Amino acid sequence: MDINNSTCMMFSIVIPVYNRDQTLLKCLDSVLNQSCIDWEIIIVNDGSTDLSRAICDKMASIDSRIRVFHCEHRGVSVSRNFGMSHARGEWITFLDSDDYLLPDALSLCSSMITSSADLICFSAETNQGNAFCKLHNSTSFSSEIKLVIFVSQHFRKLEAVLDSVFAGNSEAVFKDFGM
Protein backbone atom coordinates (compact mmCIF):
# COMPACT_ATOMS: atom_id res chain seq x y z
CA MET A 1 0.00 0.00 0.00
CA ASP A 2 1.37 3.41 -0.93
CA ILE A 3 -0.96 5.93 0.67
CA ASN A 4 1.63 8.50 1.68
CA ASN A 5 4.75 8.96 -0.39
CA SER A 6 5.53 12.41 0.97
CA THR A 7 8.68 13.06 2.96
CA CYS A 8 6.71 14.48 5.88
CA MET A 9 3.54 13.19 7.46
CA MET A 10 1.64 13.97 10.64
CA PHE A 11 2.74 11.06 12.86
CA SER A 12 5.92 9.03 13.16
CA ILE A 13 5.31 5.97 15.31
CA VAL A 14 8.56 4.50 16.64
CA ILE A 15 8.25 0.85 17.65
CA PRO A 16 11.28 -0.77 19.29
CA VAL A 17 11.17 -4.56 18.91
CA TYR A 18 13.05 -7.23 20.81
CA ASN A 19 11.79 -10.81 20.66
CA ARG A 20 8.09 -9.95 20.45
CA ASP A 21 6.94 -12.27 17.65
CA GLN A 22 3.86 -13.26 19.71
CA THR A 23 2.51 -9.68 20.00
CA LEU A 24 4.07 -7.77 17.10
CA LEU A 25 1.38 -8.45 14.50
CA LYS A 26 -1.39 -7.19 16.80
CA CYS A 27 0.66 -4.06 17.49
CA LEU A 28 1.32 -3.35 13.81
CA ASP A 29 -2.25 -4.19 12.77
CA SER A 30 -3.52 -1.68 15.32
CA VAL A 31 -1.61 1.06 13.50
CA LEU A 32 -2.53 -0.20 10.03
CA ASN A 33 -6.21 -0.09 11.05
CA GLN A 34 -6.16 3.52 12.27
CA SER A 35 -8.88 5.78 10.88
CA CYS A 36 -6.16 8.43 10.47
CA ILE A 37 -3.81 7.28 7.69
CA ASP A 38 -1.26 10.12 7.82
CA TRP A 39 1.53 8.22 9.60
CA GLU A 40 4.69 6.24 9.22
CA ILE A 41 5.93 3.37 11.36
CA ILE A 42 9.60 3.16 12.20
CA ILE A 43 10.39 -0.31 13.50
CA VAL A 44 13.75 -0.68 15.20
CA ASN A 45 14.47 -4.40 15.52
CA ASP A 46 16.89 -4.48 18.43
CA GLY A 47 18.64 -7.76 17.62
CA SER A 48 15.66 -10.10 17.98
CA THR A 49 16.45 -13.80 17.87
CA ASP A 50 12.86 -14.99 17.35
CA LEU A 51 10.58 -14.48 14.32
CA SER A 52 10.28 -10.71 14.92
CA ARG A 53 12.75 -9.87 12.14
CA ALA A 54 10.75 -11.83 9.55
CA ILE A 55 7.48 -10.25 10.70
CA CYS A 56 8.99 -6.76 10.47
CA ASP A 57 10.32 -7.36 6.95
CA LYS A 58 7.04 -8.90 5.77
CA MET A 59 4.98 -5.98 7.07
CA ALA A 60 7.36 -3.45 5.49
CA SER A 61 6.95 -5.23 2.15
CA ILE A 62 3.17 -4.86 2.43
CA ASP A 63 3.00 -1.14 3.31
CA SER A 64 5.49 1.52 2.20
CA ARG A 65 4.73 3.61 5.31
CA ILE A 66 6.58 1.00 7.38
CA ARG A 67 10.35 1.32 7.58
CA VAL A 68 12.47 -1.29 9.36
CA PHE A 69 15.94 -0.93 10.80
CA HIS A 70 17.76 -4.03 12.06
CA CYS A 71 20.36 -3.28 14.74
CA GLU A 72 22.42 -5.24 17.21
CA HIS A 73 20.87 -5.50 20.65
CA ARG A 74 21.51 -2.21 22.48
CA GLY A 75 18.36 -1.76 24.52
CA VAL A 76 15.01 -0.02 24.20
CA SER A 77 16.28 3.51 24.91
CA VAL A 78 18.90 3.34 22.17
CA SER A 79 16.28 1.88 19.81
CA ARG A 80 13.82 4.70 20.55
CA ASN A 81 16.49 7.35 20.04
CA PHE A 82 17.57 5.70 16.79
CA GLY A 83 13.98 5.59 15.57
CA MET A 84 13.38 9.18 16.55
CA SER A 85 16.45 10.25 14.55
CA HIS A 86 14.85 8.73 11.43
CA ALA A 87 11.37 10.18 11.97
CA ARG A 88 9.87 12.31 9.21
CA GLY A 89 6.55 13.06 10.89
CA GLU A 90 5.61 16.36 12.43
CA TRP A 91 4.62 14.51 15.62
CA ILE A 92 6.51 11.58 17.15
CA THR A 93 5.13 8.85 19.37
CA PHE A 94 6.44 5.59 20.77
CA LEU A 95 4.50 2.35 20.81
CA ASP A 96 5.83 -0.75 22.53
CA SER A 97 5.67 -3.88 20.40
CA ASP A 98 3.48 -5.63 22.97
CA ASP A 99 0.94 -2.78 23.06
CA TYR A 100 -1.65 -1.64 20.55
CA LEU A 101 -3.74 1.40 19.65
CA LEU A 102 -7.50 1.66 19.51
CA PRO A 103 -8.75 2.38 15.94
CA ASP A 104 -9.36 6.11 16.48
CA ALA A 105 -6.33 6.89 18.67
CA LEU A 106 -4.43 8.89 16.04
CA SER A 107 -7.59 10.64 14.81
CA LEU A 108 -8.32 11.73 18.35
CA CYS A 109 -4.80 13.10 18.71
CA SER A 110 -5.02 14.73 15.30
CA SER A 111 -8.21 16.53 16.28
CA MET A 112 -6.51 17.87 19.41
CA ILE A 113 -3.49 19.29 17.62
CA THR A 114 -3.23 23.04 17.32
CA SER A 115 -0.38 25.08 15.96
CA SER A 116 0.69 26.01 19.50
CA ALA A 117 0.73 22.48 20.98
CA ASP A 118 4.11 21.00 21.85
CA LEU A 119 2.94 17.95 23.80
CA ILE A 120 -0.12 15.74 23.80
CA CYS A 121 -0.62 13.20 26.57
CA PHE A 122 -3.02 10.48 25.57
CA SER A 123 -4.35 7.61 27.60
CA ALA A 124 -6.94 4.97 26.89
CA GLU A 125 -8.54 2.61 29.36
CA THR A 126 -9.87 -0.12 27.12
CA ASN A 127 -11.75 -1.92 29.88
CA GLN A 128 -13.87 1.16 30.55
CA GLY A 129 -13.90 2.66 27.08
CA ASN A 130 -12.74 6.01 28.49
CA ALA A 131 -10.07 8.11 26.88
CA PHE A 132 -8.67 11.53 27.42
CA CYS A 133 -6.39 13.68 25.37
CA LYS A 134 -4.98 16.94 26.70
CA LEU A 135 -2.52 19.49 25.44
CA HIS A 136 0.36 21.20 27.12
CA ASN A 137 2.08 24.26 25.69
CA SER A 138 5.64 24.80 26.72
CA THR A 139 8.44 27.09 25.76
CA SER A 140 10.84 24.32 26.84
CA PHE A 141 10.32 22.42 23.57
CA SER A 142 12.00 23.31 20.33
CA SER A 143 9.38 24.48 17.86
CA GLU A 144 10.73 21.85 15.47
CA ILE A 145 10.12 18.83 17.72
CA LYS A 146 6.67 17.85 18.90
CA LEU A 147 5.83 14.74 20.86
CA VAL A 148 2.75 12.63 21.27
CA ILE A 149 3.03 10.51 24.37
CA PHE A 150 0.77 7.54 24.91
CA VAL A 151 0.64 7.21 28.67
CA SER A 152 0.32 3.75 30.15
CA GLN A 153 0.55 2.27 33.63
CA HIS A 154 4.19 3.36 33.60
CA PHE A 155 3.40 7.06 33.86
CA ARG A 156 5.83 7.47 36.78
CA LYS A 157 8.64 6.77 34.30
CA LEU A 158 7.10 9.43 32.07
CA GLU A 159 7.02 11.79 35.05
CA ALA A 160 10.79 11.38 35.41
CA VAL A 161 11.26 12.19 31.73
CA LEU A 162 9.02 15.22 32.00
CA ASP A 163 10.93 16.32 35.10
CA SER A 164 14.01 16.68 32.94
CA VAL A 165 12.10 18.35 30.09
CA PHE A 166 10.22 20.76 32.33
CA ALA A 167 13.15 21.47 34.65
CA GLY A 168 11.78 19.60 37.66
CA ASN A 169 8.23 20.86 37.30
CA SER A 170 6.43 17.74 36.04
CA GLU A 171 4.12 17.77 39.06
CA ALA A 172 2.44 20.88 37.67
CA VAL A 173 2.19 19.24 34.25
CA PHE A 174 0.53 16.11 35.66
CA LYS A 175 -1.80 18.26 37.76
CA ASP A 176 -2.89 19.96 34.51
CA PHE A 177 -3.63 16.52 33.06
CA GLY A 178 -5.60 15.42 36.11
CA MET A 179 -3.06 12.73 37.08
Foldseek 3Di string as FASTA:
>chain_A
DEPDPDLEFAEEEEEEDAQPPVQQVQAVVLLVLAPDPGYAYEYEDQQHPDCPVVVLVVVCVVYVSYDYHYHHHDDDVVSVVVSVVSDRYQEYEYDYSNDHDHRHQVVVVVVADDLQFQEKEKEADVVVRDIDIDTDGDPLDDSRYGYYYYDDPVCVVVLVVVCVSVVNPSVVVVVVVVD
